[in-house]
Amino acid sequence: VAVFVAAVGFAGVVGGMLRRQGTAV
């Protein structure tokens, strides 16, 4: 569960960064 939560959290952070980066671009 901890690995799953960490993976989901990491995916959420990476997705947010990509969205912000895409918006900035």
PDB file of all heavy atoms in Angstrom:
ATOM      1  N   VAL A   1       0.841  -1.196   0.000  1.00  0.00           N
ATOM      2  CA  VAL A   1       0.000   0.000   0.000  1.00  0.00           C
ATOM      3  C   VAL A   1       0.876   1.246   0.000  1.00  0.00           C
ATOM      4  O   VAL A   1       0.599   2.225  -0.711  1.00  0.00           O
ATOM      5  CB  VAL A   1      -0.964  -0.018   1.219  1.00  0.00           C
ATOM      6  CG1 VAL A   1      -1.658   1.325   1.380  1.00  0.00           C
ATOM      7  CG2 VAL A   1      -1.995  -1.123   1.067  1.00  0.00           C
ATOM      8  N   ALA A   2       1.943   1.245   0.774  1.00  0.00           N
ATOM      9  CA  ALA A   2       2.840   2.405   0.840  1.00  0.00           C
ATOM     10  C   ALA A   2       3.502   2.645  -0.521  1.00  0.00           C
ATOM     11  O   ALA A   2       3.611   3.795  -0.987  1.00  0.00           O
ATOM     12  CB  ALA A   2       3.899   2.191   1.914  1.00  0.00           C
ATOM     13  N   VAL A   3       3.939   1.557  -1.189  1.00  0.00           N
ATOM     14  CA  VAL A   3       4.563   1.693  -2.507  1.00  0.00           C
ATOM     15  C   VAL A   3       3.531   2.200  -3.506  1.00  0.00           C
ATOM     16  O   VAL A   3       3.818   3.083  -4.321  1.00  0.00           O
ATOM     17  CB  VAL A   3       5.167   0.343  -2.953  1.00  0.00           C
ATOM     18  CG1 VAL A   3       5.572   0.376  -4.424  1.00  0.00           C
ATOM     19  CG2 VAL A   3       6.361  -0.010  -2.085  1.00  0.00           C
ATOM     20  N   PHE A   4       2.271   1.667  -3.422  1.00  0.00           N
ATOM     21  CA  PHE A   4       1.224   2.120  -4.323  1.00  0.00           C
ATOM     22  C   PHE A   4       0.904   3.594  -4.109  1.00  0.00           C
ATOM     23  O   PHE A   4       0.785   4.367  -5.065  1.00  0.00           O
ATOM     24  CB  PHE A   4      -0.039   1.251  -4.117  1.00  0.00           C
ATOM     25  CG  PHE A   4      -1.168   1.643  -5.000  1.00  0.00           C
ATOM     26  CD1 PHE A   4      -1.160   1.353  -6.350  1.00  0.00           C
ATOM     27  CD2 PHE A   4      -2.263   2.344  -4.488  1.00  0.00           C
ATOM     28  CE1 PHE A   4      -2.207   1.723  -7.168  1.00  0.00           C
ATOM     29  CE2 PHE A   4      -3.304   2.722  -5.293  1.00  0.00           C
ATOM     30  CZ  PHE A   4      -3.287   2.409  -6.637  1.00  0.00           C
ATOM     31  N   VAL A   5       0.781   3.991  -2.860  1.00  0.00           N
ATOM     32  CA  VAL A   5       0.485   5.393  -2.543  1.00  0.00           C
ATOM     33  C   VAL A   5       1.647   6.288  -3.015  1.00  0.00           C
ATOM     34  O   VAL A   5       1.432   7.369  -3.579  1.00  0.00           O
ATOM     35  CB  VAL A   5       0.227   5.567  -1.025  1.00  0.00           C
ATOM     36  CG1 VAL A   5       0.194   7.046  -0.633  1.00  0.00           C
ATOM     37  CG2 VAL A   5      -1.074   4.893  -0.629  1.00  0.00           C
ATOM     38  N   ALA A   6       2.880   5.846  -2.808  1.00  0.00           N
ATOM     39  CA  ALA A   6       4.041   6.624  -3.244  1.00  0.00           C
ATOM     40  C   ALA A   6       4.056   6.739  -4.774  1.00  0.00           C
ATOM     41  O   ALA A   6       4.350   7.812  -5.321  1.00  0.00           O
ATOM     42  CB  ALA A   6       5.332   5.974  -2.742  1.00  0.00           C
ATOM     43  N   ALA A   7       3.734   5.644  -5.458  1.00  0.00           N
ATOM     44  CA  ALA A   7       3.716   5.663  -6.921  1.00  0.00           C
ATOM     45  C   ALA A   7       2.620   6.599  -7.429  1.00  0.00           C
ATOM     46  O   ALA A   7       2.823   7.382  -8.369  1.00  0.00           O
ATOM     47  CB  ALA A   7       3.515   4.250  -7.470  1.00  0.00           C
ATOM     48  N   VAL A   8       1.428   6.539  -6.825  1.00  0.00           N
ATOM     49  CA  VAL A   8       0.338   7.413  -7.223  1.00  0.00           C
ATOM     50  C   VAL A   8       0.704   8.865  -6.930  1.00  0.00           C
ATOM     51  O   VAL A   8       0.466   9.767  -7.750  1.00  0.00           O
ATOM     52  CB  VAL A   8      -0.981   7.012  -6.514  1.00  0.00           C
ATOM     53  CG1 VAL A   8      -2.056   8.065  -6.708  1.00  0.00           C
ATOM     54  CG2 VAL A   8      -1.459   5.662  -7.017  1.00  0.00           C
ATOM     55  N   GLY A   9       1.295   9.113  -5.790  1.00  0.00           N
ATOM     56  CA  GLY A   9       1.730  10.477  -5.439  1.00  0.00           C
ATOM     57  C   GLY A   9       2.788  10.983  -6.397  1.00  0.00           C
ATOM     58  O   GLY A   9       2.747  12.141  -6.848  1.00  0.00           O
ATOM     59  N   PHE A  10       3.743  10.116  -6.714  1.00  0.00           N
ATOM     60  CA  PHE A  10       4.805  10.505  -7.661  1.00  0.00           C
ATOM     61  C   PHE A  10       4.211  10.797  -9.040  1.00  0.00           C
ATOM     62  O   PHE A  10       4.568  11.775  -9.691  1.00  0.00           O
ATOM     63  CB  PHE A  10       5.852   9.374  -7.746  1.00  0.00           C
ATOM     64  CG  PHE A  10       6.994   9.702  -8.659  1.00  0.00           C
ATOM     65  CD1 PHE A  10       7.953  10.639  -8.301  1.00  0.00           C
ATOM     66  CD2 PHE A  10       7.105   9.082  -9.911  1.00  0.00           C
ATOM     67  CE1 PHE A  10       9.000  10.933  -9.142  1.00  0.00           C
ATOM     68  CE2 PHE A  10       8.145   9.384 -10.754  1.00  0.00           C
ATOM     69  CZ  PHE A  10       9.106  10.310 -10.371  1.00  0.00           C
ATOM     70  N   ALA A  11       3.271   9.954  -9.466  1.00  0.00           N
ATOM     71  CA  ALA A  11       2.620  10.168 -10.767  1.00  0.00           C
ATOM     72  C   ALA A  11       1.842  11.479 -10.753  1.00  0.00           C
ATOM     73  O   ALA A  11       1.839  12.232 -11.727  1.00  0.00           O
ATOM     74  CB  ALA A  11       1.708   8.997 -11.092  1.00  0.00           C
ATOM     75  N   GLY A  12       1.190  11.794  -9.646  1.00  0.00           N
ATOM     76  CA  GLY A  12       0.445  13.043  -9.535  1.00  0.00           C
ATOM     77  C   GLY A  12       1.372  14.251  -9.596  1.00  0.00           C
ATOM     78  O   GLY A  12       1.076  15.254 -10.265  1.00  0.00           O
ATOM     79  N   VAL A  13       2.502  14.152  -8.900  1.00  0.00           N
ATOM     80  CA  VAL A  13       3.464  15.254  -8.914  1.00  0.00           C
ATOM     81  C   VAL A  13       4.038  15.440 -10.321  1.00  0.00           C
ATOM     82  O   VAL A  13       4.125  16.560 -10.833  1.00  0.00           O
ATOM     83  CB  VAL A  13       4.588  14.993  -7.881  1.00  0.00           C
ATOM     84  CG1 VAL A  13       5.725  15.974  -8.065  1.00  0.00           C
ATOM     85  CG2 VAL A  13       4.034  15.087  -6.472  1.00  0.00           C
ATOM     86  N   VAL A  14       4.426  14.338 -10.959  1.00  0.00           N
ATOM     87  CA  VAL A  14       4.987  14.420 -12.313  1.00  0.00           C
ATOM     88  C   VAL A  14       3.935  14.955 -13.286  1.00  0.00           C
ATOM     89  O   VAL A  14       4.223  15.808 -14.136  1.00  0.00           O
ATOM     90  CB  VAL A  14       5.520  13.035 -12.772  1.00  0.00           C
ATOM     91  CG1 VAL A  14       5.853  13.044 -14.252  1.00  0.00           C
ATOM     92  CG2 VAL A  14       6.730  12.645 -11.950  1.00  0.00           C
ATOM     93  N   GLY A  15       2.680  14.509 -13.160  1.00  0.00           N
ATOM     94  CA  GLY A  15       1.606  14.998 -14.022  1.00  0.00           C
ATOM     95  C   GLY A  15       1.385  16.493 -13.833  1.00  0.00           C
ATOM     96  O   GLY A  15       1.199  17.237 -14.799  1.00  0.00           O
ATOM     97  N   GLY A  16       1.374  16.955 -12.601  1.00  0.00           N
ATOM     98  CA  GLY A  16       1.214  18.393 -12.332  1.00  0.00           C
ATOM     99  C   GLY A  16       2.352  19.199 -12.925  1.00  0.00           C
ATOM    100  O   GLY A  16       2.148  20.288 -13.485  1.00  0.00           O
ATOM    101  N   MET A  17       3.571  18.679 -12.769  1.00  0.00           N
ATOM    102  CA  MET A  17       4.724  19.380 -13.331  1.00  0.00           C
ATOM    103  C   MET A  17       4.623  19.462 -14.860  1.00  0.00           C
ATOM    104  O   MET A  17       4.911  20.505 -15.455  1.00  0.00           O
ATOM    105  CB  MET A  17       6.024  18.677 -12.928  1.00  0.00           C
ATOM    106  CG  MET A  17       6.396  18.897 -11.480  1.00  0.00           C
ATOM    107  SD  MET A  17       7.826  17.940 -10.926  1.00  0.00           S
ATOM    108  CE  MET A  17       9.038  18.308 -12.119  1.00  0.00           C
ATOM    109  N   LEU A  18       4.210  18.355 -15.464  1.00  0.00           N
ATOM    110  CA  LEU A  18       4.076  18.349 -16.911  1.00  0.00           C
ATOM    111  C   LEU A  18       2.987  19.317 -17.369  1.00  0.00           C
ATOM    112  O   LEU A  18       3.139  20.002 -18.377  1.00  0.00           O
ATOM    113  CB  LEU A  18       3.791  16.936 -17.419  1.00  0.00           C
ATOM    114  CG  LEU A  18       4.964  15.955 -17.332  1.00  0.00           C
ATOM    115  CD1 LEU A  18       4.518  14.564 -17.771  1.00  0.00           C
ATOM    116  CD2 LEU A  18       6.133  16.423 -18.166  1.00  0.00           C
ATOM    117  N   ARG A  19       1.865  19.362 -16.606  1.00  0.00           N
ATOM    118  CA  ARG A  19       0.799  20.303 -16.963  1.00  0.00           C
ATOM    119  C   ARG A  19       1.289  21.743 -16.855  1.00  0.00           C
ATOM    120  O   ARG A  19       1.045  22.569 -17.720  1.00  0.00           O
ATOM    121  CB  ARG A  19      -0.404  20.086 -16.042  1.00  0.00           C
ATOM    122  CG  ARG A  19      -1.469  19.207 -16.630  1.00  0.00           C
ATOM    123  CD  ARG A  19      -2.771  19.326 -15.840  1.00  0.00           C
ATOM    124  NE  ARG A  19      -2.569  19.235 -14.395  1.00  0.00           N
ATOM    125  CZ  ARG A  19      -2.584  18.091 -13.690  1.00  0.00           C
ATOM    126  NH1 ARG A  19      -2.796  16.966 -14.300  1.00  0.00           N
ATOM    127  NH2 ARG A  19      -2.402  18.102 -12.395  1.00  0.00           N
ATOM    128  N   ARG A  20       1.980  22.040 -15.748  1.00  0.00           N
ATOM    129  CA  ARG A  20       2.500  23.400 -15.577  1.00  0.00           C
ATOM    130  C   ARG A  20       3.537  23.716 -16.644  1.00  0.00           C
ATOM    131  O   ARG A  20       3.549  24.816 -17.199  1.00  0.00           O
ATOM    132  CB  ARG A  20       3.110  23.574 -14.195  1.00  0.00           C
ATOM    133  CG  ARG A  20       2.081  23.963 -13.171  1.00  0.00           C
ATOM    134  CD  ARG A  20       2.730  24.253 -11.874  1.00  0.00           C
ATOM    135  NE  ARG A  20       2.980  22.938 -11.282  1.00  0.00           N
ATOM    136  CZ  ARG A  20       3.777  22.701 -10.269  1.00  0.00           C
ATOM    137  NH1 ARG A  20       4.422  23.661  -9.702  1.00  0.00           N
ATOM    138  NH2 ARG A  20       3.941  21.492  -9.807  1.00  0.00           N
ATOM    139  N   GLN A  21       4.397  22.759 -16.917  1.00  0.00           N
ATOM    140  CA  GLN A  21       5.420  22.977 -17.940  1.00  0.00           C
ATOM    141  C   GLN A  21       4.773  23.177 -19.304  1.00  0.00           C
ATOM    142  O   GLN A  21       5.170  24.040 -20.064  1.00  0.00           O
ATOM    143  CB  GLN A  21       6.401  21.793 -17.982  1.00  0.00           C
ATOM    144  CG  GLN A  21       7.551  21.980 -18.916  1.00  0.00           C
ATOM    145  CD  GLN A  21       8.486  23.107 -18.483  1.00  0.00           C
ATOM    146  OE1 GLN A  21       8.548  23.458 -17.320  1.00  0.00           O
ATOM    147  NE2 GLN A  21       9.193  23.685 -19.430  1.00  0.00           N
ATOM    148  N   GLY A  22       3.759  22.381 -19.624  1.00  0.00           N
ATOM    149  CA  GLY A  22       3.053  22.524 -20.891  1.00  0.00           C
ATOM    150  C   GLY A  22       2.375  23.876 -20.989  1.00  0.00           C
ATOM    151  O   GLY A  22       2.402  24.530 -22.033  1.00  0.00           O
ATOM    152  N   THR A  23       1.769  24.330 -19.908  1.00  0.00           N
ATOM    153  CA  THR A  23       1.124  25.641 -19.894  1.00  0.00           C
ATOM    154  C   THR A  23       2.153  26.736 -20.074  1.00  0.00           C
ATOM    155  O   THR A  23       1.936  27.693 -20.825  1.00  0.00           O
ATOM    156  CB  THR A  23       0.364  25.836 -18.570  1.00  0.00           C
ATOM    157  OG1 THR A  23      -0.557  24.769 -18.395  1.00  0.00           O
ATOM    158  CG2 THR A  23      -0.372  27.154 -18.559  1.00  0.00           C
ATOM    159  N   ALA A  24       3.304  26.603 -19.424  1.00  0.00           N
ATOM    160  CA  ALA A  24       4.359  27.605 -19.547  1.00  0.00           C
ATOM    161  C   ALA A  24       4.907  27.626 -20.977  1.00  0.00           C
ATOM    162  O   ALA A  24       5.166  28.692 -21.532  1.00  0.00           O
ATOM    163  CB  ALA A  24       5.477  27.336 -18.551  1.00  0.00           C
ATOM    164  N   VAL A  25       5.054  26.456 -21.560  1.00  0.00           N
ATOM    165  CA  VAL A  25       5.563  26.382 -22.932  1.00  0.00           C
ATOM    166  C   VAL A  25       4.550  27.004 -23.885  1.00  0.00           C
ATOM    167  O   VAL A  25       4.914  27.774 -24.775  1.00  0.00           O
ATOM    168  CB  VAL A  25       5.882  24.920 -23.319  1.00  0.00           C
ATOM    169  CG1 VAL A  25       6.139  24.801 -24.806  1.00  0.00           C
ATOM    170  CG2 VAL A  25       7.078  24.422 -22.529  1.00  0.00           C
TER     171      VAL A  25
END
